[in-house]
Amino acid sequence: MSQNSTMQFTIPSHILAQELAGEVVLMNIDNEMYYSLNSVGSQIWQLLSDRLDLETAIEQLLRRFDIDEATLRQDVTQLVDELVAQGLLTVEQETV
């Protein structure tokens, strides 16, 4: 999926999330699948679940990590694409 920097995401009602020891564990109650995010993925999850747009989330992550912007954008986009593909996040539709 091509990401728009002002894109926002929501967590579907069938997804449960729990932080355990600095990592986030997700469960899709529809198919009973579990997913685990490492500490960096967990921080991305937290920012997006706080309903920050993608650009704001990336800006905050750039302040937290010593990484170049292009690499961070690629990594965040890849994770978001995977979360959306697995049904763990949905893209919030913009109203015009």
Protein backbone atom coordinates (compact mmCIF):
# COMPACT_ATOMS: atom_id res chain seq x y z
CA MET A 1 0.00 0.00 0.00
CA SER A 2 1.28 3.47 -0.78
CA GLN A 3 1.32 5.46 2.44
CA ASN A 4 0.09 9.05 2.63
CA SER A 5 2.00 10.95 5.32
CA THR A 6 -1.22 12.36 6.83
CA MET A 7 -2.78 8.89 6.96
CA GLN A 8 -4.21 7.82 10.31
CA PHE A 9 -4.95 4.33 11.52
CA THR A 10 -7.43 2.70 13.84
CA ILE A 11 -7.30 -0.58 15.71
CA PRO A 12 -10.22 -2.81 14.70
CA SER A 13 -12.51 -3.92 17.51
CA HIS A 14 -11.47 -7.57 17.05
CA ILE A 15 -7.82 -6.78 17.93
CA LEU A 16 -6.62 -6.91 21.54
CA ALA A 17 -3.27 -5.38 22.47
CA GLN A 18 -1.30 -5.82 25.69
CA GLU A 19 2.11 -4.48 26.63
CA LEU A 20 4.34 -7.07 28.29
CA ALA A 21 7.92 -6.21 29.33
CA GLY A 22 8.24 -3.36 26.84
CA GLU A 23 6.82 -5.32 23.92
CA VAL A 24 3.29 -5.43 22.56
CA VAL A 25 1.41 -8.66 22.03
CA LEU A 26 -1.58 -8.51 19.70
CA MET A 27 -4.42 -11.00 19.38
CA ASN A 28 -6.92 -11.17 16.59
CA ILE A 29 -9.97 -12.61 18.36
CA ASP A 30 -11.63 -13.44 15.03
CA ASN A 31 -8.96 -15.98 14.03
CA GLU A 32 -7.27 -16.44 17.44
CA MET A 33 -3.84 -15.53 16.00
CA TYR A 34 -1.21 -13.93 18.22
CA TYR A 35 1.39 -11.42 17.04
CA SER A 36 4.34 -9.97 18.90
CA LEU A 37 6.07 -6.66 18.25
CA ASN A 38 9.62 -5.99 19.44
CA SER A 39 10.37 -2.83 21.41
CA VAL A 40 10.74 -0.63 18.32
CA GLY A 41 7.63 -2.07 16.67
CA SER A 42 5.82 -1.56 19.98
CA GLN A 43 6.74 2.13 19.98
CA ILE A 44 5.44 2.49 16.43
CA TRP A 45 2.23 0.69 17.46
CA GLN A 46 1.78 2.99 20.43
CA LEU A 47 2.20 6.15 18.33
CA LEU A 48 -0.24 4.95 15.68
CA SER A 49 -2.75 3.68 18.25
CA ASP A 50 -2.64 7.15 19.85
CA ARG A 51 -4.15 8.23 16.51
CA LEU A 52 -1.11 10.18 15.39
CA ASP A 53 -0.81 10.57 11.66
CA LEU A 54 2.06 8.73 10.00
CA GLU A 55 4.19 11.85 9.54
CA THR A 56 3.92 12.88 13.20
CA ALA A 57 4.77 9.34 14.31
CA ILE A 58 7.86 9.33 12.09
CA GLU A 59 8.96 12.73 13.43
CA GLN A 60 8.69 11.46 17.02
CA LEU A 61 10.62 8.29 16.18
CA LEU A 62 13.39 10.33 14.53
CA ARG A 63 13.84 12.15 17.84
CA ARG A 64 14.06 8.84 19.76
CA PHE A 65 16.42 6.87 17.53
CA ASP A 66 19.77 7.58 15.94
CA ILE A 67 18.77 6.53 12.42
CA ASP A 68 18.58 8.25 9.08
CA GLU A 69 15.15 9.39 7.98
CA ALA A 70 15.00 7.34 4.77
CA THR A 71 15.72 4.08 6.61
CA LEU A 72 13.21 4.88 9.34
CA ARG A 73 10.49 5.76 6.81
CA GLN A 74 11.11 2.51 4.96
CA ASP A 75 11.01 0.43 8.16
CA VAL A 76 7.85 2.14 9.48
CA THR A 77 6.09 1.81 6.12
CA GLN A 78 7.00 -1.87 5.93
CA LEU A 79 5.66 -2.56 9.44
CA VAL A 80 2.47 -0.57 8.83
CA ASP A 81 1.89 -2.43 5.55
CA GLU A 82 2.27 -5.75 7.40
CA LEU A 83 -0.07 -4.68 10.20
CA VAL A 84 -2.71 -3.54 7.71
CA ALA A 85 -2.31 -6.72 5.62
CA GLN A 86 -2.84 -8.85 8.75
CA GLY A 87 -5.93 -6.83 9.69
CA LEU A 88 -4.30 -5.49 12.87
CA LEU A 89 -4.65 -1.85 11.77
CA THR A 90 -7.10 -0.23 9.41
CA VAL A 91 -6.58 2.94 7.44
CA GLU A 92 -8.89 5.69 8.60
CA GLN A 93 -10.76 7.12 5.65
CA GLU A 94 -10.40 10.85 5.23
CA THR A 95 -13.63 12.78 4.83
CA VAL A 96 -13.64 15.67 2.41
